[in-house]
């Protein structure tokens, strides 16, 4: 049973690392704010999986990473809602970085 927990921990950590890499790629390559927000959330999910994977050890599961994950999920939800509201307000105002650059502002 302990070997299965160790394998799951490694699988969670590797999946988390892959999600972090995928999120960084999406964050760097995409210019749209909503897509960047989604990529940032993918990075956060990868970090949560990485913390969860490192919480497994030979005798069981460490509760400290679990508490960090729960707190991180709450904070990520609040910041995602705030960032989405800012993106909607920016889209409604008609301000676009590309238009400002072309106008020489």
PDB file of N, CA and C in Angstrom:
ATOM      1  N   UNK A   1       0.819  -1.193   0.000  1.00  0.00           N
ATOM      2  CA  UNK A   1       0.000   0.000   0.000  1.00  0.00           C
ATOM      3  C   UNK A   1       0.865   1.259   0.000  1.00  0.00           C
ATOM      4  N   UNK A   2       1.989   1.225   0.718  1.00  0.00           N
ATOM      5  CA  UNK A   2       2.867   2.388   0.776  1.00  0.00           C
ATOM      6  C   UNK A   2       3.504   2.683  -0.571  1.00  0.00           C
ATOM      7  N   UNK A   3       3.791   1.620  -1.349  1.00  0.00           N
ATOM      8  CA  UNK A   3       4.362   1.835  -2.667  1.00  0.00           C
ATOM      9  C   UNK A   3       3.370   2.551  -3.573  1.00  0.00           C
ATOM     10  N   UNK A   4       2.088   2.209  -3.418  1.00  0.00           N
ATOM     11  CA  UNK A   4       1.054   2.854  -4.217  1.00  0.00           C
ATOM     12  C   UNK A   4       0.955   4.338  -3.869  1.00  0.00           C
ATOM     13  N   UNK A   5       1.062   4.678  -2.561  1.00  0.00           N
ATOM     14  CA  UNK A   5       1.039   6.088  -2.166  1.00  0.00           C
ATOM     15  C   UNK A   5       2.239   6.835  -2.723  1.00  0.00           C
ATOM     16  N   UNK A   6       3.401   6.207  -2.701  1.00  0.00           N
ATOM     17  CA  UNK A   6       4.595   6.846  -3.240  1.00  0.00           C
ATOM     18  C   UNK A   6       4.470   7.047  -4.741  1.00  0.00           C
ATOM     19  N   UNK A   7       3.891   6.070  -5.455  1.00  0.00           N
ATOM     20  CA  UNK A   7       3.698   6.217  -6.890  1.00  0.00           C
ATOM     21  C   UNK A   7       2.690   7.323  -7.192  1.00  0.00           C
ATOM     22  N   UNK A   8       1.626   7.404  -6.404  1.00  0.00           N
ATOM     23  CA  UNK A   8       0.635   8.462  -6.604  1.00  0.00           C
ATOM     24  C   UNK A   8       1.261   9.832  -6.356  1.00  0.00           C
ATOM     25  N   UNK A   9       2.087   9.933  -5.330  1.00  0.00           N
ATOM     26  CA  UNK A   9       2.756  11.194  -5.040  1.00  0.00           C
ATOM     27  C   UNK A   9       3.640  11.626  -6.192  1.00  0.00           C
ATOM     28  N   UNK A  10       4.369  10.690  -6.768  1.00  0.00           N
ATOM     29  CA  UNK A  10       5.215  11.011  -7.910  1.00  0.00           C
ATOM     30  C   UNK A  10       4.376  11.380  -9.126  1.00  0.00           C
ATOM     31  N   UNK A  11       3.274  10.676  -9.327  1.00  0.00           N
ATOM     32  CA  UNK A  11       2.394  10.983 -10.451  1.00  0.00           C
ATOM     33  C   UNK A  11       1.776  12.366 -10.302  1.00  0.00           C
ATOM     34  N   UNK A  12       1.342  12.706  -9.079  1.00  0.00           N
ATOM     35  CA  UNK A  12       0.784  14.037  -8.838  1.00  0.00           C
ATOM     36  C   UNK A  12       1.831  15.118  -9.077  1.00  0.00           C
ATOM     37  N   UNK A  13       3.049  14.878  -8.593  1.00  0.00           N
ATOM     38  CA  UNK A  13       4.112  15.875  -8.752  1.00  0.00           C
ATOM     39  C   UNK A  13       4.478  16.062 -10.224  1.00  0.00           C
ATOM     40  N   UNK A  14       4.577  14.977 -10.963  1.00  0.00           N
ATOM     41  CA  UNK A  14       4.913  15.085 -12.386  1.00  0.00           C
ATOM     42  C   UNK A  14       3.788  15.743 -13.181  1.00  0.00           C
ATOM     43  N   UNK A  15       2.545  15.409 -12.861  1.00  0.00           N
ATOM     44  CA  UNK A  15       1.417  16.044 -13.532  1.00  0.00           C
ATOM     45  C   UNK A  15       1.373  17.529 -13.196  1.00  0.00           C
ATOM     46  N   UNK A  16       1.662  17.878 -11.950  1.00  0.00           N
ATOM     47  CA  UNK A  16       1.712  19.278 -11.551  1.00  0.00           C
ATOM     48  C   UNK A  16       2.789  20.044 -12.297  1.00  0.00           C
ATOM     49  N   UNK A  17       3.959  19.432 -12.462  1.00  0.00           N
ATOM     50  CA  UNK A  17       5.040  20.078 -13.202  1.00  0.00           C
ATOM     51  C   UNK A  17       4.653  20.278 -14.670  1.00  0.00           C
ATOM     52  N   UNK A  18       3.963  19.296 -15.247  1.00  0.00           N
ATOM     53  CA  UNK A  18       3.515  19.435 -16.633  1.00  0.00           C
ATOM     54  C   UNK A  18       2.474  20.552 -16.764  1.00  0.00           C
ATOM     55  N   UNK A  19       1.569  20.666 -15.813  1.00  0.00           N
ATOM     56  CA  UNK A  19       0.576  21.737 -15.850  1.00  0.00           C
ATOM     57  C   UNK A  19       1.224  23.109 -15.682  1.00  0.00           C
ATOM     58  N   UNK A  20       2.223  23.203 -14.836  1.00  0.00           N
ATOM     59  CA  UNK A  20       2.931  24.472 -14.658  1.00  0.00           C
ATOM     60  C   UNK A  20       3.606  24.876 -15.967  1.00  0.00           C
ATOM     61  N   UNK A  21       4.266  23.936 -16.613  1.00  0.00           N
ATOM     62  CA  UNK A  21       4.927  24.232 -17.893  1.00  0.00           C
ATOM     63  C   UNK A  21       3.908  24.629 -18.957  1.00  0.00           C
ATOM     64  N   UNK A  22       2.796  23.919 -19.034  1.00  0.00           N
ATOM     65  CA  UNK A  22       1.757  24.241 -20.004  1.00  0.00           C
ATOM     66  C   UNK A  22       1.157  25.622 -19.734  1.00  0.00           C
ATOM     67  N   UNK A  23       0.940  25.940 -18.461  1.00  0.00           N
ATOM     68  CA  UNK A  23       0.402  27.244 -18.108  1.00  0.00           C
ATOM     69  C   UNK A  23       1.365  28.373 -18.440  1.00  0.00           C
ATOM     70  N   UNK A  24       2.659  28.181 -18.181  1.00  0.00           N
ATOM     71  CA  UNK A  24       3.641  29.210 -18.539  1.00  0.00           C
ATOM     72  C   UNK A  24       3.672  29.426 -20.045  1.00  0.00           C
ATOM     73  N   UNK A  25       3.601  28.354 -20.803  1.00  0.00           N
ATOM     74  CA  UNK A  25       3.573  28.482 -22.259  1.00  0.00           C
ATOM     75  C   UNK A  25       2.348  29.290 -22.698  1.00  0.00           C
ATOM     76  N   UNK A  26       1.182  28.959 -22.155  1.00  0.00           N
ATOM     77  CA  UNK A  26      -0.028  29.691 -22.513  1.00  0.00           C
ATOM     78  C   UNK A  26       0.017  31.137 -22.067  1.00  0.00           C
ATOM     79  N   UNK A  27       0.617  31.401 -20.912  1.00  0.00           N
ATOM     80  CA  UNK A  27       0.698  32.763 -20.404  1.00  0.00           C
ATOM     81  C   UNK A  27       1.628  33.624 -21.256  1.00  0.00           C
ATOM     82  N   UNK A  28       2.713  33.038 -21.723  1.00  0.00           N
ATOM     83  CA  UNK A  28       3.676  33.789 -22.523  1.00  0.00           C
ATOM     84  C   UNK A  28       3.200  33.965 -23.958  1.00  0.00           C
ATOM     85  N   UNK A  29       2.579  32.949 -24.527  1.00  0.00           N
ATOM     86  CA  UNK A  29       2.250  32.978 -25.952  1.00  0.00           C
ATOM     87  C   UNK A  29       0.922  33.672 -26.272  1.00  0.00           C
ATOM     88  N   UNK A  30       0.031  33.823 -25.333  1.00  0.00           N
ATOM     89  CA  UNK A  30      -1.288  34.403 -25.601  1.00  0.00           C
ATOM     90  C   UNK A  30      -1.336  35.850 -25.154  1.00  0.00           C
ATOM     91  N   UNK A  31      -1.994  36.702 -25.955  1.00  0.00           N
ATOM     92  CA  UNK A  31      -2.112  38.110 -25.616  1.00  0.00           C
ATOM     93  C   UNK A  31      -3.472  38.449 -25.011  1.00  0.00           C
ATOM     94  N   UNK A  32      -4.487  37.654 -25.289  1.00  0.00           N
ATOM     95  CA  UNK A  32      -5.827  37.939 -24.769  1.00  0.00           C
ATOM     96  C   UNK A  32      -5.843  37.774 -23.253  1.00  0.00           C
ATOM     97  N   UNK A  33      -6.491  38.719 -22.576  1.00  0.00           N
ATOM     98  CA  UNK A  33      -6.481  38.699 -21.115  1.00  0.00           C
ATOM     99  C   UNK A  33      -7.176  37.477 -20.536  1.00  0.00           C
ATOM    100  N   UNK A  34      -8.289  37.089 -21.120  1.00  0.00           N
ATOM    101  CA  UNK A  34      -9.018  35.927 -20.591  1.00  0.00           C
ATOM    102  C   UNK A  34      -8.185  34.653 -20.760  1.00  0.00           C
ATOM    103  N   UNK A  35      -7.516  34.524 -21.878  1.00  0.00           N
ATOM    104  CA  UNK A  35      -6.658  33.340 -22.072  1.00  0.00           C
ATOM    105  C   UNK A  35      -5.481  33.342 -21.105  1.00  0.00           C
ATOM    106  N   UNK A  36      -4.940  34.512 -20.831  1.00  0.00           N
ATOM    107  CA  UNK A  36      -3.865  34.595 -19.847  1.00  0.00           C
ATOM    108  C   UNK A  36      -4.379  34.248 -18.453  1.00  0.00           C
ATOM    109  N   UNK A  37      -5.590  34.665 -18.157  1.00  0.00           N
ATOM    110  CA  UNK A  37      -6.191  34.337 -16.865  1.00  0.00           C
ATOM    111  C   UNK A  37      -6.384  32.823 -16.726  1.00  0.00           C
ATOM    112  N   UNK A  38      -6.834  32.189 -17.791  1.00  0.00           N
ATOM    113  CA  UNK A  38      -6.989  30.729 -17.771  1.00  0.00           C
ATOM    114  C   UNK A  38      -5.624  30.051 -17.612  1.00  0.00           C
ATOM    115  N   UNK A  39      -4.615  30.555 -18.329  1.00  0.00           N
ATOM    116  CA  UNK A  39      -3.272  29.980 -18.210  1.00  0.00           C
ATOM    117  C   UNK A  39      -2.732  30.151 -16.794  1.00  0.00           C
ATOM    118  N   UNK A  40      -3.020  31.296 -16.183  1.00  0.00           N
ATOM    119  CA  UNK A  40      -2.575  31.517 -14.812  1.00  0.00           C
ATOM    120  C   UNK A  40      -3.249  30.547 -13.850  1.00  0.00           C
ATOM    121  N   UNK A  41      -4.519  30.236 -14.095  1.00  0.00           N
ATOM    122  CA  UNK A  41      -5.220  29.254 -13.264  1.00  0.00           C
ATOM    123  C   UNK A  41      -4.674  27.847 -13.478  1.00  0.00           C
ATOM    124  N   UNK A  42      -4.241  27.543 -14.691  1.00  0.00           N
ATOM    125  CA  UNK A  42      -3.614  26.240 -14.947  1.00  0.00           C
ATOM    126  C   UNK A  42      -2.304  26.139 -14.176  1.00  0.00           C
ATOM    127  N   UNK A  43      -1.549  27.230 -14.131  1.00  0.00           N
ATOM    128  CA  UNK A  43      -0.318  27.243 -13.339  1.00  0.00           C
ATOM    129  C   UNK A  43      -0.638  26.987 -11.866  1.00  0.00           C
ATOM    130  N   UNK A  44      -1.664  27.653 -11.366  1.00  0.00           N
ATOM    131  CA  UNK A  44      -2.059  27.458  -9.967  1.00  0.00           C
ATOM    132  C   UNK A  44      -2.473  26.027  -9.678  1.00  0.00           C
ATOM    133  N   UNK A  45      -3.215  25.433 -10.596  1.00  0.00           N
ATOM    134  CA  UNK A  45      -3.614  24.032 -10.411  1.00  0.00           C
ATOM    135  C   UNK A  45      -2.400  23.115 -10.396  1.00  0.00           C
ATOM    136  N   UNK A  46      -1.428  23.410 -11.241  1.00  0.00           N
ATOM    137  CA  UNK A  46      -0.197  22.622 -11.235  1.00  0.00           C
ATOM    138  C   UNK A  46       0.566  22.744  -9.932  1.00  0.00           C
ATOM    139  N   UNK A  47       0.582  23.956  -9.378  1.00  0.00           N
ATOM    140  CA  UNK A  47       1.258  24.153  -8.093  1.00  0.00           C
ATOM    141  C   UNK A  47       0.533  23.388  -6.992  1.00  0.00           C
ATOM    142  N   UNK A  48      -0.795  23.390  -7.027  1.00  0.00           N
ATOM    143  CA  UNK A  48      -1.548  22.633  -6.018  1.00  0.00           C
ATOM    144  C   UNK A  48      -1.251  21.141  -6.131  1.00  0.00           C
ATOM    145  N   UNK A  49      -1.179  20.622  -7.352  1.00  0.00           N
ATOM    146  CA  UNK A  49      -0.842  19.199  -7.524  1.00  0.00           C
ATOM    147  C   UNK A  49       0.580  18.913  -7.072  1.00  0.00           C
ATOM    148  N   UNK A  50       1.485  19.838  -7.347  1.00  0.00           N
ATOM    149  CA  UNK A  50       2.871  19.656  -6.920  1.00  0.00           C
ATOM    150  C   UNK A  50       2.963  19.614  -5.389  1.00  0.00           C
ATOM    151  N   UNK A  51       2.256  20.529  -4.714  1.00  0.00           N
ATOM    152  CA  UNK A  51       2.222  20.495  -3.254  1.00  0.00           C
ATOM    153  C   UNK A  51       1.599  19.202  -2.747  1.00  0.00           C
ATOM    154  N   UNK A  52       0.525  18.774  -3.384  1.00  0.00           N
ATOM    155  CA  UNK A  52      -0.124  17.532  -2.971  1.00  0.00           C
ATOM    156  C   UNK A  52       0.776  16.330  -3.157  1.00  0.00           C
ATOM    157  N   UNK A  53       1.526  16.333  -4.245  1.00  0.00           N
ATOM    158  CA  UNK A  53       2.445  15.219  -4.503  1.00  0.00           C
ATOM    159  C   UNK A  53       3.598  15.173  -3.528  1.00  0.00           C
ATOM    160  N   UNK A  54       4.057  16.334  -3.100  1.00  0.00           N
ATOM    161  CA  UNK A  54       5.164  16.339  -2.137  1.00  0.00           C
ATOM    162  C   UNK A  54       4.685  16.047  -0.723  1.00  0.00           C
ATOM    163  N   UNK A  55       3.371  16.076  -0.506  1.00  0.00           N
ATOM    164  CA  UNK A  55       2.832  15.795   0.822  1.00  0.00           C
ATOM    165  C   UNK A  55       2.807  14.316   1.171  1.00  0.00           C
ATOM    166  N   UNK A  56       3.007  13.444   0.178  1.00  0.00           N
ATOM    167  CA  UNK A  56       3.056  12.006   0.450  1.00  0.00           C
ATOM    168  C   UNK A  56       4.441  11.630   0.951  1.00  0.00           C
ATOM    169  N   UNK A  57       4.487  10.808   1.975  1.00  0.00           N
ATOM    170  CA  UNK A  57       5.756  10.262   2.446  1.00  0.00           C
ATOM    171  C   UNK A  57       5.517   8.853   2.954  1.00  0.00           C
ATOM    172  N   UNK A  58       6.539   8.199   3.432  1.00  0.00           N
ATOM    173  CA  UNK A  58       6.466   6.793   3.781  1.00  0.00           C
ATOM    174  C   UNK A  58       5.395   6.417   4.790  1.00  0.00           C
ATOM    175  N   UNK A  59       5.122   7.267   5.783  1.00  0.00           N
ATOM    176  CA  UNK A  59       4.176   6.914   6.825  1.00  0.00           C
ATOM    177  C   UNK A  59       2.745   7.373   6.574  1.00  0.00           C
ATOM    178  N   UNK A  60       2.507   8.166   5.564  1.00  0.00           N
ATOM    179  CA  UNK A  60       1.155   8.661   5.304  1.00  0.00           C
ATOM    180  C   UNK A  60       1.180   9.968   4.545  1.00  0.00           C
ATOM    181  N   UNK A  61       0.243  10.840   4.917  1.00  0.00           N
ATOM    182  CA  UNK A  61       0.096  12.103   4.221  1.00  0.00           C
ATOM    183  C   UNK A  61       0.323  13.246   5.204  1.00  0.00           C
ATOM    184  N   UNK A  62       1.101  14.241   4.794  1.00  0.00           N
ATOM    185  CA  UNK A  62       1.382  15.404   5.631  1.00  0.00           C
ATOM    186  C   UNK A  62       0.222  16.396   5.537  1.00  0.00           C
ATOM    187  N   UNK A  63      -0.344  16.845   6.654  1.00  0.00           N
ATOM    188  CA  UNK A  63      -1.495  17.752   6.596  1.00  0.00           C
ATOM    189  C   UNK A  63      -1.142  19.195   6.241  1.00  0.00           C
ATOM    190  N   UNK A  64       0.117  19.599   6.361  1.00  0.00           N
ATOM    191  CA  UNK A  64       0.482  20.988   6.072  1.00  0.00           C
ATOM    192  C   UNK A  64       0.286  21.327   4.592  1.00  0.00           C
ATOM    193  N   UNK A  65       0.763  20.514   3.640  1.00  0.00           N
ATOM    194  CA  UNK A  65       0.479  20.837   2.246  1.00  0.00           C
ATOM    195  C   UNK A  65      -1.017  20.833   1.925  1.00  0.00           C
ATOM    196  N   UNK A  66      -1.772  19.978   2.594  1.00  0.00           N
ATOM    197  CA  UNK A  66      -3.217  19.968   2.366  1.00  0.00           C
ATOM    198  C   UNK A  66      -3.840  21.290   2.802  1.00  0.00           C
ATOM    199  N   UNK A  67      -3.403  21.813   3.927  1.00  0.00           N
ATOM    200  CA  UNK A  67      -3.922  23.101   4.394  1.00  0.00           C
ATOM    201  C   UNK A  67      -3.517  24.225   3.444  1.00  0.00           C
ATOM    202  N   UNK A  68      -2.282  24.176   2.924  1.00  0.00           N
ATOM    203  CA  UNK A  68      -1.846  25.178   1.951  1.00  0.00           C
ATOM    204  C   UNK A  68      -2.662  25.101   0.664  1.00  0.00           C
ATOM    205  N   UNK A  69      -2.992  23.899   0.233  1.00  0.00           N
ATOM    206  CA  UNK A  69      -3.781  23.729  -0.986  1.00  0.00           C
ATOM    207  C   UNK A  69      -5.184  24.296  -0.796  1.00  0.00           C
ATOM    208  N   UNK A  70      -5.811  23.993   0.329  1.00  0.00           N
ATOM    209  CA  UNK A  70      -7.162  24.492   0.582  1.00  0.00           C
ATOM    210  C   UNK A  70      -7.160  26.021   0.634  1.00  0.00           C
ATOM    211  N   UNK A  71      -6.183  26.603   1.319  1.00  0.00           N
ATOM    212  CA  UNK A  71      -6.087  28.053   1.380  1.00  0.00           C
ATOM    213  C   UNK A  71      -5.813  28.642   0.006  1.00  0.00           C
ATOM    214  N   UNK A  72      -4.947  27.991  -0.747  1.00  0.00           N
ATOM    215  CA  UNK A  72      -4.624  28.462  -2.096  1.00  0.00           C
ATOM    216  C   UNK A  72      -5.809  28.418  -3.042  1.00  0.00           C
ATOM    217  N   UNK A  73      -6.643  27.411  -2.918  1.00  0.00           N
ATOM    218  CA  UNK A  73      -7.832  27.324  -3.772  1.00  0.00           C
ATOM    219  C   UNK A  73      -8.775  28.490  -3.494  1.00  0.00           C
ATOM    220  N   UNK A  74      -8.958  28.818  -2.225  1.00  0.00           N
ATOM    221  CA  UNK A  74      -9.840  29.930  -1.867  1.00  0.00           C
ATOM    222  C   UNK A  74      -9.284  31.249  -2.397  1.00  0.00           C
ATOM    223  N   UNK A  75      -7.999  31.480  -2.222  1.00  0.00           N
ATOM    224  CA  UNK A  75      -7.374  32.705  -2.697  1.00  0.00           C
ATOM    225  C   UNK A  75      -7.410  32.764  -4.228  1.00  0.00           C
ATOM    226  N   UNK A  76      -7.143  31.644  -4.889  1.00  0.00           N
ATOM    227  CA  UNK A  76      -7.166  31.618  -6.347  1.00  0.00           C
ATOM    228  C   UNK A  76      -8.560  31.911  -6.887  1.00  0.00           C
ATOM    229  N   UNK A  77      -9.583  31.396  -6.236  1.00  0.00           N
ATOM    230  CA  UNK A  77     -10.948  31.677  -6.667  1.00  0.00           C
ATOM    231  C   UNK A  77     -11.272  33.160  -6.552  1.00  0.00           C
ATOM    232  N   UNK A  78     -10.895  33.765  -5.436  1.00  0.00           N
ATOM    233  CA  UNK A  78     -11.165  35.190  -5.238  1.00  0.00           C
ATOM    234  C   UNK A  78     -10.396  36.047  -6.241  1.00  0.00           C
ATOM    235  N   UNK A  79      -9.131  35.738  -6.464  1.00  0.00           N
ATOM    236  CA  UNK A  79      -8.340  36.522  -7.408  1.00  0.00           C
ATOM    237  C   UNK A  79      -8.772  36.307  -8.845  1.00  0.00           C
ATOM    238  N   UNK A  80      -9.242  35.119  -9.173  1.00  0.00           N
ATOM    239  CA  UNK A  80      -9.758  34.870 -10.515  1.00  0.00           C
ATOM    240  C   UNK A  80     -11.016  35.690 -10.770  1.00  0.00           C
ATOM    241  N   UNK A  81     -11.899  35.752  -9.802  1.00  0.00           N
ATOM    242  CA  UNK A  81     -13.106  36.562  -9.949  1.00  0.00           C
ATOM    243  C   UNK A  81     -12.744  38.036 -10.102  1.00  0.00           C
ATOM    244  N   UNK A  82     -11.794  38.509  -9.317  1.00  0.00           N
ATOM    245  CA  UNK A  82     -11.365  39.901  -9.407  1.00  0.00           C
ATOM    246  C   UNK A  82     -10.725  40.197 -10.762  1.00  0.00           C
ATOM    247  N   UNK A  83      -9.848  39.317 -11.227  1.00  0.00           N
ATOM    248  CA  UNK A  83      -9.188  39.518 -12.518  1.00  0.00           C
ATOM    249  C   UNK A  83     -10.187  39.448 -13.672  1.00  0.00           C
ATOM    250  N   UNK A  84     -11.174  38.566 -13.580  1.00  0.00           N
ATOM    251  CA  UNK A  84     -12.188  38.488 -14.629  1.00  0.00           C
ATOM    252  C   UNK A  84     -13.020  39.768 -14.661  1.00  0.00           C
ATOM    253  N   UNK A  85     -13.338  40.321 -13.495  1.00  0.00           N
ATOM    254  CA  UNK A  85     -14.079  41.584 -13.447  1.00  0.00           C
ATOM    255  C   UNK A  85     -13.259  42.721 -14.053  1.00  0.00           C
ATOM    256  N   UNK A  86     -11.969  42.752 -13.777  1.00  0.00           N
ATOM    257  CA  UNK A  86     -11.110  43.764 -14.379  1.00  0.00           C
ATOM    258  C   UNK A  86     -11.019  43.603 -15.896  1.00  0.00           C
ATOM    259  N   UNK A  87     -10.939  42.362 -16.372  1.00  0.00           N
ATOM    260  CA  UNK A  87     -10.870  42.120 -17.809  1.00  0.00           C
ATOM    261  C   UNK A  87     -12.161  42.553 -18.503  1.00  0.00           C
ATOM    262  N   UNK A  88     -13.297  42.292 -17.873  1.00  0.00           N
ATOM    263  CA  UNK A  88     -14.576  42.713 -18.449  1.00  0.00           C
ATOM    264  C   UNK A  88     -14.655  44.235 -18.488  1.00  0.00           C
ATOM    265  N   UNK A  89     -14.240  44.886 -17.425  1.00  0.00           N
ATOM    266  CA  UNK A  89     -14.277  46.353 -17.392  1.00  0.00           C
ATOM    267  C   UNK A  89     -13.339  46.940 -18.445  1.00  0.00           C
ATOM    268  N   UNK A  90     -12.177  46.347 -18.628  1.00  0.00           N
ATOM    269  CA  UNK A  90     -11.239  46.813 -19.642  1.00  0.00           C
ATOM    270  C   UNK A  90     -11.818  46.629 -21.038  1.00  0.00           C
ATOM    271  N   UNK A  91     -12.479  45.504 -21.268  1.00  0.00           N
ATOM    272  CA  UNK A  91     -13.081  45.261 -22.575  1.00  0.00           C
ATOM    273  C   UNK A  91     -14.227  46.234 -22.850  1.00  0.00           C
ATOM    274  N   UNK A  92     -15.010  46.564 -21.826  1.00  0.00           N
ATOM    275  CA  UNK A  92     -16.120  47.506 -22.004  1.00  0.00           C
ATOM    276  C   UNK A  92     -15.635  48.932 -22.223  1.00  0.00           C
ATOM    277  N   UNK A  93     -14.485  49.275 -21.663  1.00  0.00           N
ATOM    278  CA  UNK A  93     -13.982  50.640 -21.821  1.00  0.00           C
ATOM    279  C   UNK A  93     -13.423  50.880 -23.213  1.00  0.00           C
ATOM    280  N   UNK A  94     -13.119  49.804 -23.927  1.00  0.00           N
ATOM    281  CA  UNK A  94     -12.604  49.936 -25.287  1.00  0.00           C
ATOM    282  C   UNK A  94     -11.118  50.209 -25.345  1.00  0.00           C
ATOM    283  N   UNK A  95     -10.457  50.206 -24.211  1.00  0.00           N
ATOM    284  CA  UNK A  95      -9.014  50.400 -24.196  1.00  0.00           C
ATOM    285  C   UNK A  95      -8.329  49.141 -24.688  1.00  0.00           C
ATOM    286  N   UNK A  96      -7.455  49.313 -25.655  1.00  0.00           N
ATOM    287  CA  UNK A  96      -6.697  48.173 -26.159  1.00  0.00           C
ATOM    288  C   UNK A  96      -5.257  48.612 -26.311  1.00  0.00           C
ATOM    289  N   UNK A  97      -4.327  47.800 -25.860  1.00  0.00           N
ATOM    290  CA  UNK A  97      -2.915  48.152 -25.923  1.00  0.00           C
ATOM    291  C   UNK A  97      -2.451  48.339 -27.358  1.00  0.00           C
ATOM    292  N   UNK A  98      -2.944  47.523 -28.291  1.00  0.00           N
ATOM    293  CA  UNK A  98      -2.519  47.611 -29.674  1.00  0.00           C
ATOM    294  C   UNK A  98      -2.976  48.915 -30.307  1.00  0.00           C
ATOM    295  N   UNK A  99      -4.208  49.357 -30.017  1.00  0.00           N
ATOM    296  CA  UNK A  99      -4.695  50.617 -30.567  1.00  0.00           C
ATOM    297  C   UNK A  99      -3.908  51.794 -30.025  1.00  0.00           C
ATOM    298  N   UNK A 100      -3.553  51.760 -28.745  1.00  0.00           N
ATOM    299  CA  UNK A 100      -2.772  52.844 -28.149  1.00  0.00           C
ATOM    300  C   UNK A 100      -1.378  52.903 -28.728  1.00  0.00           C
ATOM    301  N   UNK A 101      -0.788  51.774 -29.014  1.00  0.00           N
ATOM    302  CA  UNK A 101       0.554  51.743 -29.593  1.00  0.00           C
ATOM    303  C   UNK A 101       0.551  52.302 -31.022  1.00  0.00           C
ATOM    304  N   UNK A 102      -0.498  51.995 -31.782  1.00  0.00           N
ATOM    305  CA  UNK A 102      -0.583  52.495 -33.149  1.00  0.00           C
ATOM    306  C   UNK A 102      -0.830  53.999 -33.168  1.00  0.00           C
ATOM    307  N   UNK A 103      -1.574  54.512 -32.210  1.00  0.00           N
ATOM    308  CA  UNK A 103      -1.897  55.933 -32.173  1.00  0.00           C
ATOM    309  C   UNK A 103      -0.726  56.759 -31.617  1.00  0.00           C
ATOM    310  N   UNK A 104       0.300  56.105 -31.108  1.00  0.00           N
ATOM    311  CA  UNK A 104       1.453  56.799 -30.576  1.00  0.00           C
ATOM    312  C   UNK A 104       1.233  57.354 -29.180  1.00  0.00           C
ATOM    313  N   UNK A 105       0.349  56.793 -28.429  1.00  0.00           N
ATOM    314  CA  UNK A 105       0.070  57.264 -27.076  1.00  0.00           C
ATOM    315  C   UNK A 105       1.013  56.654 -26.096  1.00  0.00           C
TER     316      UNK A 105
END
